[in-house]
Amino acid sequence: VATITNGGSTTYADSVKGRFTASRDNAKILVYLQMNNLKPED
């Protein structure tokens, strides 16, 4: 549903575009997915 490169470049599946946002903190080795306007199909 989403990808994020080491440099922070992202891609999203059509089904989640505009609603999900990926981010990361490489120093902490953490990756996040912010999900807004969630739907039952999620």
PDB file of all heavy atoms in Angstrom:
ATOM      1  N   VAL A   1       0.799  -1.220   0.000  1.00  0.00           N
ATOM      2  CA  VAL A   1       0.000   0.000   0.000  1.00  0.00           C
ATOM      3  C   VAL A   1       0.835   1.274   0.000  1.00  0.00           C
ATOM      4  O   VAL A   1       0.343   2.329  -0.394  1.00  0.00           O
ATOM      5  CB  VAL A   1      -0.999   0.032   1.179  1.00  0.00           C
ATOM      6  CG1 VAL A   1      -1.985  -1.130   1.072  1.00  0.00           C
ATOM      7  CG2 VAL A   1      -0.279   0.002   2.521  1.00  0.00           C
ATOM      8  N   ALA A   2       2.090   1.212   0.437  1.00  0.00           N
ATOM      9  CA  ALA A   2       2.937   2.398   0.467  1.00  0.00           C
ATOM     10  C   ALA A   2       4.395   1.988   0.487  1.00  0.00           C
ATOM     11  O   ALA A   2       4.743   0.922   1.013  1.00  0.00           O
ATOM     12  CB  ALA A   2       2.632   3.273   1.685  1.00  0.00           C
ATOM     13  N   THR A   3       5.261   2.826  -0.085  1.00  0.00           N
ATOM     14  CA  THR A   3       6.702   2.623  -0.001  1.00  0.00           C
ATOM     15  C   THR A   3       7.365   3.937   0.366  1.00  0.00           C
ATOM     16  O   THR A   3       6.836   5.017   0.088  1.00  0.00           O
ATOM     17  CB  THR A   3       7.315   2.114  -1.318  1.00  0.00           C
ATOM     18  OG1 THR A   3       7.319   3.155  -2.298  1.00  0.00           O
ATOM     19  CG2 THR A   3       6.549   0.910  -1.855  1.00  0.00           C
ATOM     20  N   ILE A   4       8.540   3.835   0.980  1.00  0.00           N
ATOM     21  CA  ILE A   4       9.318   5.027   1.293  1.00  0.00           C
ATOM     22  C   ILE A   4      10.787   4.680   1.177  1.00  0.00           C
ATOM     23  O   ILE A   4      11.259   3.695   1.743  1.00  0.00           O
ATOM     24  CB  ILE A   4       8.963   5.598   2.681  1.00  0.00           C
ATOM     25  CG1 ILE A   4       9.767   6.868   2.964  1.00  0.00           C
ATOM     26  CG2 ILE A   4       9.136   4.564   3.781  1.00  0.00           C
ATOM     27  CD1 ILE A   4       9.229   7.667   4.143  1.00  0.00           C
ATOM     28  N   THR A   5      11.534   5.479   0.416  1.00  0.00           N
ATOM     29  CA  THR A   5      12.960   5.256   0.241  1.00  0.00           C
ATOM     30  C   THR A   5      13.736   5.798   1.427  1.00  0.00           C
ATOM     31  O   THR A   5      13.196   6.482   2.300  1.00  0.00           O
ATOM     32  CB  THR A   5      13.466   5.930  -1.039  1.00  0.00           C
ATOM     33  OG1 THR A   5      13.410   7.354  -0.876  1.00  0.00           O
ATOM     34  CG2 THR A   5      12.641   5.529  -2.251  1.00  0.00           C
ATOM     35  N   ASN A   6      15.036   5.507   1.440  1.00  0.00           N
ATOM     36  CA  ASN A   6      15.898   6.040   2.483  1.00  0.00           C
ATOM     37  C   ASN A   6      15.849   7.564   2.532  1.00  0.00           C
ATOM     38  O   ASN A   6      15.946   8.158   3.615  1.00  0.00           O
ATOM     39  CB  ASN A   6      17.336   5.573   2.267  1.00  0.00           C
ATOM     40  CG  ASN A   6      18.290   6.116   3.311  1.00  0.00           C
ATOM     41  OD1 ASN A   6      18.170   5.815   4.490  1.00  0.00           O
ATOM     42  ND2 ASN A   6      19.246   6.931   2.866  1.00  0.00           N
ATOM     43  N   GLY A   7      15.702   8.183   1.371  1.00  0.00           N
ATOM     44  CA  GLY A   7      15.652   9.629   1.306  1.00  0.00           C
ATOM     45  C   GLY A   7      14.277  10.223   1.525  1.00  0.00           C
ATOM     46  O   GLY A   7      14.131  11.450   1.481  1.00  0.00           O
ATOM     47  N   GLY A   8      13.263   9.390   1.735  1.00  0.00           N
ATOM     48  CA  GLY A   8      11.940   9.886   2.047  1.00  0.00           C
ATOM     49  C   GLY A   8      10.985   9.997   0.877  1.00  0.00           C
ATOM     50  O   GLY A   8       9.867  10.513   1.048  1.00  0.00           O
ATOM     51  N   SER A   9      11.374   9.530  -0.301  1.00  0.00           N
ATOM     52  CA  SER A   9      10.474   9.535  -1.446  1.00  0.00           C
ATOM     53  C   SER A   9       9.429   8.431  -1.281  1.00  0.00           C
ATOM     54  O   SER A   9       9.774   7.305  -0.915  1.00  0.00           O
ATOM     55  CB  SER A   9      11.262   9.338  -2.735  1.00  0.00           C
ATOM     56  OG  SER A   9      10.415   9.327  -3.859  1.00  0.00           O
ATOM     57  N   THR A  10       8.165   8.742  -1.550  1.00  0.00           N
ATOM     58  CA  THR A  10       7.078   7.808  -1.280  1.00  0.00           C
ATOM     59  C   THR A  10       6.271   7.480  -2.521  1.00  0.00           C
ATOM     60  O   THR A  10       6.212   8.255  -3.478  1.00  0.00           O
ATOM     61  CB  THR A  10       6.123   8.370  -0.215  1.00  0.00           C
ATOM     62  OG1 THR A  10       5.621   9.638  -0.659  1.00  0.00           O
ATOM     63  CG2 THR A  10       6.837   8.556   1.114  1.00  0.00           C
ATOM     64  N   THR A  11       5.643   6.315  -2.489  1.00  0.00           N
ATOM     65  CA  THR A  11       4.640   5.921  -3.459  1.00  0.00           C
ATOM     66  C   THR A  11       3.478   5.299  -2.699  1.00  0.00           C
ATOM     67  O   THR A  11       3.645   4.800  -1.583  1.00  0.00           O
ATOM     68  CB  THR A  11       5.161   4.911  -4.496  1.00  0.00           C
ATOM     69  OG1 THR A  11       5.424   3.651  -3.861  1.00  0.00           O
ATOM     70  CG2 THR A  11       6.430   5.418  -5.159  1.00  0.00           C
ATOM     71  N   TYR A  12       2.287   5.323  -3.328  1.00  0.00           N
ATOM     72  CA  TYR A  12       1.092   4.805  -2.677  1.00  0.00           C
ATOM     73  C   TYR A  12       0.226   4.059  -3.675  1.00  0.00           C
ATOM     74  O   TYR A  12       0.174   4.401  -4.859  1.00  0.00           O
ATOM     75  CB  TYR A  12       0.269   5.941  -2.060  1.00  0.00           C
ATOM     76  CG  TYR A  12       1.037   6.751  -1.048  1.00  0.00           C
ATOM     77  CD1 TYR A  12       1.666   7.933  -1.419  1.00  0.00           C
ATOM     78  CD2 TYR A  12       1.140   6.333   0.268  1.00  0.00           C
ATOM     79  CE1 TYR A  12       2.385   8.669  -0.500  1.00  0.00           C
ATOM     80  CE2 TYR A  12       1.858   7.065   1.197  1.00  0.00           C
ATOM     81  CZ  TYR A  12       2.479   8.233   0.808  1.00  0.00           C
ATOM     82  OH  TYR A  12       3.196   8.966   1.722  1.00  0.00           O
ATOM     83  N   ALA A  13      -0.453   3.050  -3.179  1.00  0.00           N
ATOM     84  CA  ALA A  13      -1.465   2.386  -3.979  1.00  0.00           C
ATOM     85  C   ALA A  13      -2.621   3.349  -4.227  1.00  0.00           C
ATOM     86  O   ALA A  13      -2.907   4.231  -3.408  1.00  0.00           O
ATOM     87  CB  ALA A  13      -1.969   1.132  -3.271  1.00  0.00           C
ATOM     88  N   ASP A  14      -3.289   3.177  -5.358  1.00  0.00           N
ATOM     89  CA  ASP A  14      -4.399   4.067  -5.693  1.00  0.00           C
ATOM     90  C   ASP A  14      -5.472   4.084  -4.605  1.00  0.00           C
ATOM     91  O   ASP A  14      -6.108   5.113  -4.364  1.00  0.00           O
ATOM     92  CB  ASP A  14      -5.027   3.656  -7.021  1.00  0.00           C
ATOM     93  CG  ASP A  14      -4.145   3.980  -8.210  1.00  0.00           C
ATOM     94  OD1 ASP A  14      -3.224   4.805  -8.077  1.00  0.00           O
ATOM     95  OD2 ASP A  14      -4.384   3.400  -9.290  1.00  0.00           O
ATOM     96  N   SER A  15      -5.665   2.964  -3.946  1.00  0.00           N
ATOM     97  CA  SER A  15      -6.720   2.851  -2.960  1.00  0.00           C
ATOM     98  C   SER A  15      -6.494   3.710  -1.716  1.00  0.00           C
ATOM     99  O   SER A  15      -7.448   3.988  -0.980  1.00  0.00           O
ATOM    100  CB  SER A  15      -6.896   1.388  -2.536  1.00  0.00           C
ATOM    101  OG  SER A  15      -5.689   0.863  -2.006  1.00  0.00           O
ATOM    102  N   VAL A  16      -5.252   4.139  -1.476  1.00  0.00           N
ATOM    103  CA  VAL A  16      -4.952   4.908  -0.271  1.00  0.00           C
ATOM    104  C   VAL A  16      -4.397   6.294  -0.565  1.00  0.00           C
ATOM    105  O   VAL A  16      -4.152   7.064   0.377  1.00  0.00           O
ATOM    106  CB  VAL A  16      -3.983   4.148   0.659  1.00  0.00           C
ATOM    107  CG1 VAL A  16      -4.509   2.749   0.960  1.00  0.00           C
ATOM    108  CG2 VAL A  16      -2.582   4.078   0.062  1.00  0.00           C
ATOM    109  N   LYS A  17      -4.209   6.641  -1.820  1.00  0.00           N
ATOM    110  CA  LYS A  17      -3.666   7.957  -2.168  1.00  0.00           C
ATOM    111  C   LYS A  17      -4.538   9.073  -1.607  1.00  0.00           C
ATOM    112  O   LYS A  17      -5.762   9.036  -1.701  1.00  0.00           O
ATOM    113  CB  LYS A  17      -3.553   8.104  -3.684  1.00  0.00           C
ATOM    114  CG  LYS A  17      -2.384   7.365  -4.296  1.00  0.00           C
ATOM    115  CD  LYS A  17      -2.328   7.571  -5.803  1.00  0.00           C
ATOM    116  CE  LYS A  17      -1.156   6.836  -6.409  1.00  0.00           C
ATOM    117  NZ  LYS A  17      -1.130   6.956  -7.889  1.00  0.00           N
ATOM    118  N   GLY A  18      -3.884  10.057  -1.031  1.00  0.00           N
ATOM    119  CA  GLY A  18      -4.588  11.181  -0.441  1.00  0.00           C
ATOM    120  C   GLY A  18      -5.046  10.948   0.979  1.00  0.00           C
ATOM    121  O   GLY A  18      -5.498  11.892   1.639  1.00  0.00           O
ATOM    122  N   ARG A  19      -4.944   9.717   1.458  1.00  0.00           N
ATOM    123  CA  ARG A  19      -5.392   9.389   2.808  1.00  0.00           C
ATOM    124  C   ARG A  19      -4.255   8.902   3.707  1.00  0.00           C
ATOM    125  O   ARG A  19      -4.261   9.165   4.907  1.00  0.00           O
ATOM    126  CB  ARG A  19      -6.485   8.320   2.770  1.00  0.00           C
ATOM    127  CG  ARG A  19      -7.715   8.749   1.980  1.00  0.00           C
ATOM    128  CD  ARG A  19      -8.861   7.751   2.131  1.00  0.00           C
ATOM    129  NE  ARG A  19      -8.507   6.429   1.597  1.00  0.00           N
ATOM    130  CZ  ARG A  19      -8.428   5.322   2.331  1.00  0.00           C
ATOM    131  NH1 ARG A  19      -8.703   5.361   3.631  1.00  0.00           N
ATOM    132  NH2 ARG A  19      -8.103   4.165   1.760  1.00  0.00           N
ATOM    133  N   PHE A  20      -3.291   8.178   3.138  1.00  0.00           N
ATOM    134  CA  PHE A  20      -2.168   7.622   3.904  1.00  0.00           C
ATOM    135  C   PHE A  20      -0.897   8.394   3.590  1.00  0.00           C
ATOM    136  O   PHE A  20      -0.669   8.805   2.444  1.00  0.00           O
ATOM    137  CB  PHE A  20      -1.938   6.151   3.553  1.00  0.00           C
ATOM    138  CG  PHE A  20      -3.001   5.197   4.027  1.00  0.00           C
ATOM    139  CD1 PHE A  20      -4.208   5.637   4.534  1.00  0.00           C
ATOM    140  CD2 PHE A  20      -2.773   3.831   3.960  1.00  0.00           C
ATOM    141  CE1 PHE A  20      -5.182   4.748   4.962  1.00  0.00           C
ATOM    142  CE2 PHE A  20      -3.734   2.924   4.387  1.00  0.00           C
ATOM    143  CZ  PHE A  20      -4.941   3.386   4.888  1.00  0.00           C
ATOM    144  N   THR A  21      -0.035   8.557   4.597  1.00  0.00           N
ATOM    145  CA  THR A  21       1.251   9.218   4.426  1.00  0.00           C
ATOM    146  C   THR A  21       2.327   8.433   5.163  1.00  0.00           C
ATOM    147  O   THR A  21       2.222   8.215   6.368  1.00  0.00           O
ATOM    148  CB  THR A  21       1.227  10.660   4.958  1.00  0.00           C
ATOM    149  OG1 THR A  21       0.189  11.404   4.301  1.00  0.00           O
ATOM    150  CG2 THR A  21       2.566  11.343   4.693  1.00  0.00           C
ATOM    151  N   ALA A  22       3.366   8.016   4.439  1.00  0.00           N
ATOM    152  CA  ALA A  22       4.491   7.323   5.048  1.00  0.00           C
ATOM    153  C   ALA A  22       5.595   8.315   5.379  1.00  0.00           C
ATOM    154  O   ALA A  22       5.802   9.304   4.667  1.00  0.00           O
ATOM    155  CB  ALA A  22       5.018   6.241   4.110  1.00  0.00           C
ATOM    156  N   SER A  23       6.318   8.047   6.459  1.00  0.00           N
ATOM    157  CA  SER A  23       7.468   8.851   6.838  1.00  0.00           C
ATOM    158  C   SER A  23       8.444   7.960   7.583  1.00  0.00           C
ATOM    159  O   SER A  23       8.126   6.819   7.921  1.00  0.00           O
ATOM    160  CB  SER A  23       7.056  10.059   7.689  1.00  0.00           C
ATOM    161  OG  SER A  23       6.423   9.638   8.885  1.00  0.00           O
ATOM    162  N   ARG A  24       9.646   8.470   7.841  1.00  0.00           N
ATOM    163  CA  ARG A  24      10.625   7.647   8.546  1.00  0.00           C
ATOM    164  C   ARG A  24      11.630   8.500   9.301  1.00  0.00           C
ATOM    165  O   ARG A  24      11.867   9.668   8.966  1.00  0.00           O
ATOM    166  CB  ARG A  24      11.342   6.699   7.572  1.00  0.00           C
ATOM    167  CG  ARG A  24      12.237   7.382   6.552  1.00  0.00           C
ATOM    168  CD  ARG A  24      12.678   6.388   5.472  1.00  0.00           C
ATOM    169  NE  ARG A  24      13.460   5.291   6.031  1.00  0.00           N
ATOM    170  CZ  ARG A  24      13.769   4.176   5.373  1.00  0.00           C
ATOM    171  NH1 ARG A  24      13.349   4.002   4.119  1.00  0.00           N
ATOM    172  NH2 ARG A  24      14.498   3.230   5.964  1.00  0.00           N
ATOM    173  N   ASP A  25      12.221   7.888  10.315  1.00  0.00           N
ATOM    174  CA  ASP A  25      13.291   8.475  11.101  1.00  0.00           C
ATOM    175  C   ASP A  25      14.432   7.476  11.060  1.00  0.00           C
ATOM    176  O   ASP A  25      14.449   6.506  11.817  1.00  0.00           O
ATOM    177  CB  ASP A  25      12.829   8.737  12.535  1.00  0.00           C
ATOM    178  CG  ASP A  25      13.896   9.397  13.391  1.00  0.00           C
ATOM    179  OD1 ASP A  25      15.086   9.340  13.045  1.00  0.00           O
ATOM    180  OD2 ASP A  25      13.524   9.985  14.428  1.00  0.00           O
ATOM    181  N   ASN A  26      15.381   7.693  10.166  1.00  0.00           N
ATOM    182  CA  ASN A  26      16.444   6.716   9.964  1.00  0.00           C
ATOM    183  C   ASN A  26      17.359   6.573  11.174  1.00  0.00           C
ATOM    184  O   ASN A  26      17.894   5.493  11.430  1.00  0.00           O
ATOM    185  CB  ASN A  26      17.268   7.089   8.731  1.00  0.00           C
ATOM    186  CG  ASN A  26      16.516   6.860   7.445  1.00  0.00           C
ATOM    187  OD1 ASN A  26      15.614   6.032   7.372  1.00  0.00           O
ATOM    188  ND2 ASN A  26      16.892   7.594   6.401  1.00  0.00           N
ATOM    189  N   ALA A  27      17.574   7.652  11.923  1.00  0.00           N
ATOM    190  CA  ALA A  27      18.428   7.585  13.101  1.00  0.00           C
ATOM    191  C   ALA A  27      17.861   6.634  14.146  1.00  0.00           C
ATOM    192  O   ALA A  27      18.613   5.949  14.843  1.00  0.00           O
ATOM    193  CB  ALA A  27      18.619   8.978  13.693  1.00  0.00           C
ATOM    194  N   LYS A  28      16.539   6.597  14.262  1.00  0.00           N
ATOM    195  CA  LYS A  28      15.881   5.717  15.224  1.00  0.00           C
ATOM    196  C   LYS A  28      15.443   4.396  14.607  1.00  0.00           C
ATOM    197  O   LYS A  28      14.898   3.547  15.304  1.00  0.00           O
ATOM    198  CB  LYS A  28      14.673   6.419  15.841  1.00  0.00           C
ATOM    199  CG  LYS A  28      15.028   7.663  16.637  1.00  0.00           C
ATOM    200  CD  LYS A  28      13.784   8.301  17.229  1.00  0.00           C
ATOM    201  CE  LYS A  28      14.124   9.528  18.052  1.00  0.00           C
ATOM    202  NZ  LYS A  28      12.911  10.168  18.623  1.00  0.00           N
ATOM    203  N   ILE A  29      15.663   4.236  13.316  1.00  0.00           N
ATOM    204  CA  ILE A  29      15.227   3.061  12.559  1.00  0.00           C
ATOM    205  C   ILE A  29      13.727   2.844  12.787  1.00  0.00           C
ATOM    206  O   ILE A  29      13.279   1.759  13.169  1.00  0.00           O
ATOM    207  CB  ILE A  29      16.049   1.810  12.914  1.00  0.00           C
ATOM    208  CG1 ILE A  29      17.538   2.151  13.040  1.00  0.00           C
ATOM    209  CG2 ILE A  29      15.869   0.740  11.827  1.00  0.00           C
ATOM    210  CD1 ILE A  29      18.423   0.974  13.375  1.00  0.00           C
ATOM    211  N   LEU A  30      12.961   3.889  12.559  1.00  0.00           N
ATOM    212  CA  LEU A  30      11.520   3.855  12.686  1.00  0.00           C
ATOM    213  C   LEU A  30      10.873   4.304  11.378  1.00  0.00           C
ATOM    214  O   LEU A  30      11.361   5.229  10.721  1.00  0.00           O
ATOM    215  CB  LEU A  30      11.042   4.769  13.814  1.00  0.00           C
ATOM    216  CG  LEU A  30      11.387   4.357  15.245  1.00  0.00           C
ATOM    217  CD1 LEU A  30      11.004   5.474  16.208  1.00  0.00           C
ATOM    218  CD2 LEU A  30      10.669   3.069  15.618  1.00  0.00           C
ATOM    219  N   VAL A  31       9.789   3.648  11.020  1.00  0.00           N
ATOM    220  CA  VAL A  31       9.000   4.009   9.857  1.00  0.00           C
ATOM    221  C   VAL A  31       7.559   4.155  10.314  1.00  0.00           C
ATOM    222  O   VAL A  31       7.082   3.377  11.143  1.00  0.00           O
ATOM    223  CB  VAL A  31       9.120   2.954   8.743  1.00  0.00           C
ATOM    224  CG1 VAL A  31       8.320   3.371   7.516  1.00  0.00           C
ATOM    225  CG2 VAL A  31      10.578   2.746   8.364  1.00  0.00           C
ATOM    226  N   TYR A  32       6.858   5.145   9.760  1.00  0.00           N
ATOM    227  CA  TYR A  32       5.504   5.443  10.189  1.00  0.00           C
ATOM    228  C   TYR A  32       4.538   5.392   9.014  1.00  0.00           C
ATOM    229  O   TYR A  32       4.909   5.572   7.859  1.00  0.00           O
ATOM    230  CB  TYR A  32       5.426   6.843  10.816  1.00  0.00           C
ATOM    231  CG  TYR A  32       6.395   7.069  11.945  1.00  0.00           C
ATOM    232  CD1 TYR A  32       7.597   7.733  11.728  1.00  0.00           C
ATOM    233  CD2 TYR A  32       6.104   6.617  13.230  1.00  0.00           C
ATOM    234  CE1 TYR A  32       8.488   7.946  12.760  1.00  0.00           C
ATOM    235  CE2 TYR A  32       6.989   6.826  14.266  1.00  0.00           C
ATOM    236  CZ  TYR A  32       8.176   7.489  14.030  1.00  0.00           C
ATOM    237  OH  TYR A  32       9.065   7.698  15.061  1.00  0.00           O
ATOM    238  N   LEU A  33       3.281   5.167   9.335  1.00  0.00           N
ATOM    239  CA  LEU A  33       2.211   5.279   8.357  1.00  0.00           C
ATOM    240  C   LEU A  33       1.052   6.009   9.014  1.00  0.00           C
ATOM    241  O   LEU A  33       0.378   5.457   9.887  1.00  0.00           O
ATOM    242  CB  LEU A  33       1.761   3.906   7.846  1.00  0.00           C
ATOM    243  CG  LEU A  33       0.739   3.931   6.715  1.00  0.00           C
ATOM    244  CD1 LEU A  33       1.369   4.501   5.438  1.00  0.00           C
ATOM    245  CD2 LEU A  33       0.180   2.540   6.444  1.00  0.00           C
ATOM    246  N   GLN A  34       0.834   7.255   8.612  1.00  0.00           N
ATOM    247  CA  GLN A  34      -0.308   8.029   9.083  1.00  0.00           C
ATOM    248  C   GLN A  34      -1.491   7.719   8.189  1.00  0.00           C
ATOM    249  O   GLN A  34      -1.413   7.900   6.972  1.00  0.00           O
ATOM    250  CB  GLN A  34       0.008   9.525   9.043  1.00  0.00           C
ATOM    251  CG  GLN A  34      -1.142  10.416   9.479  1.00  0.00           C
ATOM    252  CD  GLN A  34      -1.488  10.258  10.938  1.00  0.00           C
ATOM    253  OE1 GLN A  34      -0.599  10.260  11.787  1.00  0.00           O
ATOM    254  NE2 GLN A  34      -2.774  10.113  11.245  1.00  0.00           N
ATOM    255  N   MET A  35      -2.569   7.259   8.775  1.00  0.00           N
ATOM    256  CA  MET A  35      -3.749   6.848   8.034  1.00  0.00           C
ATOM    257  C   MET A  35      -4.915   7.735   8.448  1.00  0.00           C
ATOM    258  O   MET A  35      -5.328   7.725   9.610  1.00  0.00           O
ATOM    259  CB  MET A  35      -4.077   5.376   8.289  1.00  0.00           C
ATOM    260  CG  MET A  35      -2.905   4.435   8.028  1.00  0.00           C
ATOM    261  SD  MET A  35      -3.357   2.683   8.185  1.00  0.00           S
ATOM    262  CE  MET A  35      -3.822   2.645   9.919  1.00  0.00           C
ATOM    263  N   ASN A  36      -5.435   8.501   7.501  1.00  0.00           N
ATOM    264  CA  ASN A  36      -6.561   9.395   7.737  1.00  0.00           C
ATOM    265  C   ASN A  36      -7.760   8.965   6.911  1.00  0.00           C
ATOM    266  O   ASN A  36      -7.620   8.264   5.910  1.00  0.00           O
ATOM    267  CB  ASN A  36      -6.185  10.836   7.386  1.00  0.00           C
ATOM    268  CG  ASN A  36      -5.060  11.383   8.222  1.00  0.00           C
ATOM    269  OD1 ASN A  36      -4.933  11.075   9.405  1.00  0.00           O
ATOM    270  ND2 ASN A  36      -4.222  12.223   7.620  1.00  0.00           N
ATOM    271  N   ASN A  37      -8.932   9.436   7.320  1.00  0.00           N
ATOM    272  CA  ASN A  37     -10.171   9.129   6.611  1.00  0.00           C
ATOM    273  C   ASN A  37     -10.292   7.633   6.328  1.00  0.00           C
ATOM    274  O   ASN A  37     -10.543   7.210   5.199  1.00  0.00           O
ATOM    275  CB  ASN A  37     -10.254   9.929   5.308  1.00  0.00           C
ATOM    276  CG  ASN A  37     -11.623   9.880   4.678  1.00  0.00           C
ATOM    277  OD1 ASN A  37     -12.630   9.660   5.350  1.00  0.00           O
ATOM    278  ND2 ASN A  37     -11.683  10.085   3.355  1.00  0.00           N
ATOM    279  N   LEU A  38     -10.129   6.854   7.368  1.00  0.00           N
ATOM    280  CA  LEU A  38     -10.147   5.404   7.213  1.00  0.00           C
ATOM    281  C   LEU A  38     -11.515   4.898   6.788  1.00  0.00           C
ATOM    282  O   LEU A  38     -12.554   5.440   7.177  1.00  0.00           O
ATOM    283  CB  LEU A  38      -9.716   4.738   8.516  1.00  0.00           C
ATOM    284  CG  LEU A  38      -8.212   4.804   8.776  1.00  0.00           C
ATOM    285  CD1 LEU A  38      -7.900   4.559  10.246  1.00  0.00           C
ATOM    286  CD2 LEU A  38      -7.482   3.782   7.899  1.00  0.00           C
ATOM    287  N   LYS A  39     -11.488   3.844   5.982  1.00  0.00           N
ATOM    288  CA  LYS A  39     -12.688   3.228   5.442  1.00  0.00           C
ATOM    289  C   LYS A  39     -12.757   1.771   5.877  1.00  0.00           C
ATOM    290  O   LYS A  39     -11.724   1.162   6.166  1.00  0.00           O
ATOM    291  CB  LYS A  39     -12.679   3.302   3.912  1.00  0.00           C
ATOM    292  CG  LYS A  39     -12.567   4.712   3.361  1.00  0.00           C
ATOM    293  CD  LYS A  39     -12.476   4.696   1.844  1.00  0.00           C
ATOM    294  CE  LYS A  39     -12.368   6.096   1.289  1.00  0.00           C
ATOM    295  NZ  LYS A  39     -12.285   6.097  -0.193  1.00  0.00           N
ATOM    296  N   PRO A  40     -13.952   1.184   5.903  1.00  0.00           N
ATOM    297  CA  PRO A  40     -14.049  -0.233   6.292  1.00  0.00           C
ATOM    298  C   PRO A  40     -13.160  -1.149   5.451  1.00  0.00           C
ATOM    299  O   PRO A  40     -12.636  -2.134   5.984  1.00  0.00           O
ATOM    300  CB  PRO A  40     -15.534  -0.545   6.086  1.00  0.00           C
ATOM    301  CG  PRO A  40     -16.213   0.760   6.329  1.00  0.00           C
ATOM    302  CD  PRO A  40     -15.287   1.800   5.756  1.00  0.00           C
ATOM    303  N   GLU A  41     -12.974  -0.839   4.179  1.00  0.00           N
ATOM    304  CA  GLU A  41     -12.135  -1.663   3.329  1.00  0.00           C
ATOM    305  C   GLU A  41     -10.650  -1.581   3.670  1.00  0.00           C
ATOM    306  O   GLU A  41      -9.846  -2.340   3.121  1.00  0.00           O
ATOM    307  CB  GLU A  41     -12.348  -1.326   1.846  1.00  0.00           C
ATOM    308  CG  GLU A  41     -12.229   0.152   1.532  1.00  0.00           C
ATOM    309  CD  GLU A  41     -13.578   0.853   1.476  1.00  0.00           C
ATOM    310  OE1 GLU A  41     -14.417   0.605   2.358  1.00  0.00           O
ATOM    311  OE2 GLU A  41     -13.792   1.655   0.535  1.00  0.00           O
ATOM    312  N   ASP A  42     -10.266  -0.671   4.569  1.00  0.00           N
ATOM    313  CA  ASP A  42      -8.894  -0.616   5.056  1.00  0.00           C
ATOM    314  C   ASP A  42      -8.622  -1.645   6.141  1.00  0.00           C
ATOM    315  O   ASP A  42      -7.470  -1.808   6.563  1.00  0.00           O
ATOM    316  CB  ASP A  42      -8.565   0.777   5.602  1.00  0.00           C
ATOM    317  CG  ASP A  42      -8.605   1.860   4.539  1.00  0.00           C
ATOM    318  OD1 ASP A  42      -8.123   1.611   3.418  1.00  0.00           O
ATOM    319  OD2 ASP A  42      -9.110   2.960   4.839  1.00  0.00           O
TER     320      ASP A  42
END
